[in-house]
Amino acid sequence: NNCECLGGVRPAKRSLTVPDAENVILALPDEIRRSKESRCDHRLHGLLLVVQGMTAPEVGRLLGDSPRMVQHWVHRFDEEGPFGLAEGDCPGRPPRLTRAQMRAVDVAVRRRPDEVGLSGTRWDGKTLSAFFEQKFEVGLGVRQCQRLFR
């Protein structure tokens, strides 16, 4: 390709930029972790890069995961196929609230406490703890409720 229309000179390649890149860099990992499906897609992308010839450290550096984690994905894929990259049940204590209850909490905290049958006009750990007890008969400590506001 001799680019005759440009006098035989190839145009310089322009680099792509993303506005507000620093905030995008901070937000994308949260987006990747938002659901089981997006986390599985993340692992599939990592596996694809390995299949295309990248090493586990290269893939880990590129995707923000440890090389050991990338190796783990490859071994799971070798043993179980694509289903090996899907998430199973997480270890640890089961959540005290169902997803539906957490959605109800999300809706409630967008209103003032006095609008959902509690005293006060601002949400804090103590108010949220009282909401859980009143609405769901679930006792969550004030400190744990404060963590939910993060």
Protein backbone atom coordinates (compact mmCIF):
# COMPACT_ATOMS: atom_id res chain seq x y z
CA ASN A 1 0.00 0.00 0.00
CA ASN A 2 1.82 3.10 -1.19
CA CYS A 3 -0.73 5.74 -0.09
CA GLU A 4 -0.54 7.66 -3.38
CA CYS A 5 -3.32 9.99 -2.30
CA LEU A 6 -1.05 11.34 0.45
CA GLY A 7 2.03 11.65 -1.72
CA GLY A 8 3.36 8.25 -0.65
CA VAL A 9 3.43 9.22 3.04
CA ARG A 10 1.45 7.26 5.60
CA PRO A 11 -0.42 9.39 8.11
CA ALA A 12 0.88 9.22 11.67
CA LYS A 13 -1.12 6.96 13.96
CA ARG A 14 -3.06 8.86 16.57
CA SER A 15 -3.09 7.45 20.06
CA LEU A 16 -6.46 7.01 21.69
CA THR A 17 -7.23 8.86 24.88
CA VAL A 18 -10.03 8.50 27.37
CA PRO A 19 -11.25 11.65 29.11
CA ASP A 20 -10.89 11.53 32.90
CA ALA A 21 -8.72 8.41 32.63
CA GLU A 22 -7.76 8.42 36.33
CA ASN A 23 -11.38 8.07 37.45
CA VAL A 24 -12.09 5.51 34.74
CA ILE A 25 -9.13 3.44 35.97
CA LEU A 26 -10.60 3.51 39.47
CA ALA A 27 -14.16 2.72 38.35
CA LEU A 28 -13.56 -0.15 35.91
CA PRO A 29 -12.47 -2.75 38.49
CA ASP A 30 -15.73 -2.13 40.37
CA GLU A 31 -17.64 -2.61 37.12
CA ILE A 32 -15.78 -5.89 36.49
CA ARG A 33 -16.64 -7.12 40.00
CA ARG A 34 -20.29 -6.02 39.88
CA SER A 35 -21.76 -9.43 38.97
CA LYS A 36 -20.90 -13.09 38.61
CA GLU A 37 -21.28 -12.78 34.84
CA SER A 38 -18.87 -9.88 34.50
CA ARG A 39 -16.30 -11.65 36.72
CA CYS A 40 -16.62 -14.78 34.56
CA ASP A 41 -16.15 -12.66 31.42
CA HIS A 42 -13.03 -11.19 33.02
CA ARG A 43 -11.61 -14.68 33.55
CA LEU A 44 -12.51 -15.66 29.97
CA HIS A 45 -10.61 -12.62 28.66
CA GLY A 46 -7.62 -13.65 30.75
CA LEU A 47 -7.76 -17.18 29.37
CA LEU A 48 -8.01 -15.83 25.82
CA LEU A 49 -4.84 -13.80 26.33
CA VAL A 50 -3.00 -16.90 27.61
CA VAL A 51 -4.22 -18.93 24.62
CA GLN A 52 -2.92 -16.16 22.35
CA GLY A 53 0.56 -16.57 23.84
CA MET A 54 0.82 -14.20 26.78
CA THR A 55 2.35 -15.44 30.02
CA ALA A 56 0.48 -15.51 33.32
CA PRO A 57 2.52 -12.57 34.70
CA GLU A 58 1.80 -10.53 31.54
CA VAL A 59 -1.93 -11.28 31.72
CA GLY A 60 -2.01 -10.60 35.45
CA ARG A 61 -0.27 -7.26 35.02
CA LEU A 62 -2.61 -6.30 32.16
CA LEU A 63 -5.83 -7.31 33.95
CA GLY A 64 -4.84 -6.39 37.50
CA ASP A 65 -4.74 -9.96 38.82
CA SER A 66 -1.92 -12.02 40.24
CA PRO A 67 -0.07 -14.45 37.98
CA ARG A 68 -1.15 -17.23 40.35
CA MET A 69 -4.80 -16.33 39.81
CA VAL A 70 -4.33 -16.45 36.03
CA GLN A 71 -2.72 -19.90 36.38
CA HIS A 72 -5.68 -20.97 38.51
CA TRP A 73 -8.09 -19.92 35.73
CA VAL A 74 -6.12 -21.93 33.16
CA HIS A 75 -6.12 -25.04 35.38
CA ARG A 76 -9.85 -24.72 36.07
CA PHE A 77 -10.50 -24.38 32.34
CA ASP A 78 -8.33 -27.44 31.61
CA GLU A 79 -10.22 -29.50 34.18
CA GLU A 80 -13.80 -28.30 33.65
CA GLY A 81 -13.93 -26.40 30.36
CA PRO A 82 -15.67 -23.01 30.21
CA PHE A 83 -17.90 -23.95 33.15
CA GLY A 84 -14.77 -24.07 35.30
CA LEU A 85 -14.53 -20.30 35.01
CA ALA A 86 -18.05 -19.69 36.30
CA GLU A 87 -18.41 -18.75 39.94
CA GLY A 88 -19.64 -21.30 42.39
CA ASP A 89 -20.93 -20.63 45.85
CA CYS A 90 -18.69 -18.39 47.89
CA PRO A 91 -17.25 -19.75 51.11
CA GLY A 92 -18.07 -18.11 54.40
CA ARG A 93 -21.13 -17.11 56.30
CA PRO A 94 -24.28 -16.71 54.21
CA PRO A 95 -25.69 -13.18 54.02
CA ARG A 96 -28.19 -12.23 56.70
CA LEU A 97 -30.37 -10.38 54.20
CA THR A 98 -31.73 -11.59 50.88
CA ARG A 99 -31.18 -9.65 47.67
CA ALA A 100 -34.80 -8.53 47.76
CA GLN A 101 -34.31 -7.20 51.29
CA MET A 102 -31.14 -5.35 50.25
CA ARG A 103 -33.06 -3.78 47.35
CA ALA A 104 -35.72 -2.67 49.84
CA VAL A 105 -32.97 -1.14 51.99
CA ASP A 106 -31.57 0.65 48.95
CA VAL A 107 -35.01 2.13 48.24
CA ALA A 108 -35.54 3.09 51.88
CA VAL A 109 -32.24 4.91 52.40
CA ARG A 110 -33.02 7.13 49.42
CA ARG A 111 -35.81 8.56 51.57
CA ARG A 112 -35.62 10.16 54.99
CA PRO A 113 -35.94 7.82 58.00
CA ASP A 114 -39.11 9.58 59.16
CA GLU A 115 -40.67 8.76 55.77
CA VAL A 116 -40.22 5.01 56.40
CA GLY A 117 -41.56 4.94 59.96
CA LEU A 118 -38.42 5.76 61.94
CA SER A 119 -37.46 8.80 63.96
CA GLY A 120 -34.94 11.28 62.63
CA THR A 121 -34.23 12.91 59.32
CA ARG A 122 -30.76 11.53 58.52
CA TRP A 123 -29.54 7.97 58.11
CA ASP A 124 -26.76 6.70 60.34
CA GLY A 125 -25.68 3.30 61.64
CA LYS A 126 -28.07 3.39 64.59
CA THR A 127 -31.06 4.31 62.41
CA LEU A 128 -30.23 1.67 59.80
CA SER A 129 -29.85 -0.96 62.53
CA ALA A 130 -33.32 -0.04 63.84
CA PHE A 131 -34.69 -0.28 60.28
CA PHE A 132 -33.33 -3.83 59.87
CA GLU A 133 -34.84 -4.88 63.18
CA GLN A 134 -38.22 -3.26 62.50
CA LYS A 135 -38.60 -4.23 58.85
CA PHE A 136 -36.88 -7.65 58.64
CA GLU A 137 -36.50 -8.77 62.29
CA VAL A 138 -32.76 -9.04 61.65
CA GLY A 139 -30.33 -7.71 64.21
CA LEU A 140 -27.33 -6.00 62.67
CA GLY A 141 -24.94 -4.04 64.83
CA VAL A 142 -24.52 -0.30 64.47
CA ARG A 143 -20.92 -0.68 63.25
CA GLN A 144 -21.91 -3.19 60.57
CA CYS A 145 -24.66 -0.84 59.43
CA GLN A 146 -22.14 2.00 59.25
CA ARG A 147 -20.02 -0.14 56.90
CA LEU A 148 -22.98 -0.48 54.54
CA PHE A 149 -22.89 3.27 53.92
CA ARG A 150 -19.42 3.02 52.35
